[in-house]
Amino acid sequence: MTLEALSLECQLLCASVATYGIHATGQLTPVTPYYNAIEFLAPPTVFVAGDDDIDACLVGTTIQNVIIAFRGTIPPNIHNQQSVLDWIGDLTDEPVAVPGMVGKVHDGFWQGLSSLWAPLVKEVQQQMAATGLPLHLTGHSKGGALASLAAIRLKQETPIVPAAVFTYAAPHPGDFEFAQQYDREILYHRRYEYGDDIVPHVVPNSMLIDAVAHLPELGKFCKGMEKWNYNPVGTLQYITWDRKRIVPASPKLHIERLVRLAGAIAEGRFEEIVNAHSASCGGGYMSGICSSKLCAGA
């Protein structure tokens, strides 16, 4: 599939999935069909950092843009309920204040971005200077939260102004005050979410906590988070359960999502919840955003 056949949101979704081919050694194994569909002009530069090399991203150039794509969290064992709960727990952390940033941000995500920051910025500046192309940031899951934090940090700390941010299944990167400032400064951010994927609700805000407070597992899990006040950033593009439509945010949609998700948790449908988070071929994100031709034969 040529780049011209891909929409921008599909190209960046493919870049997000391609980051799962990054190894702790700093090597990148091209994940097909996603990597080839992006059509990088040269192999992208890869960065790995953090405890156990858990944080990773790539920077690459195509004929139309420079891309920063952050790797997400490795999915849990879908057949083990405790594994799912532990995985959700890994995405939660207290909000902290950082210099120059309005409000508070997720401590773990901020530390992850900081571990990659200096060499990442240098590489982005070099690729943009060499091409004059716009910069797009992206990421799936945790990678989406890092992309959001990177976008506003680039704008505040460097001469680089991101042209657009596209995130998929991203958890909340900061609190309400941070989200307000982010949306004032980053004018083009499309936030894709799908079905009963729980990660876009993490770290929980008060409405989700109220919805699951009566459930033994997550009620106990959410205790103490009521005052954290995490919020999403960007403009929601919601892929409906049937994968046939992408709709904007609305109060009715928000309530329906919470009711359906709480029901899935109460019924123990953890495999379904985890599968909804997948960005690969066969999952709701890829089916809702990219042409079926991309995954044909995958």
Foldseek 3Di string as FASTA:
>chain_A
DEQVQADPLLLQLLQQVQFVQQDLVQDGDGDPPSNVHNAFPDDWGKDFFDDVSQWIWTWTDHPAEIEIFTHADDFFDLVDPVRNVVSLVVQAAFWDDDPPAWATWGPVLVVSLVGRPPVVVVVVVVVCVVRVHAYEYEHAESRLLNSLVVQVCCVRPHPHHHPAYEYELYDFTGAPRRQVVSCVRHVHYEYEAEDLACRNCPVPEQVLLVLQCPPVSVVVVCPPVHPRHTDHHHWYFYQYHVLPGTDGDDPVVVVVNSNVNNVCVNVVVSSVNSQQRDSDPPHSNCSNRTDPVRVVVD
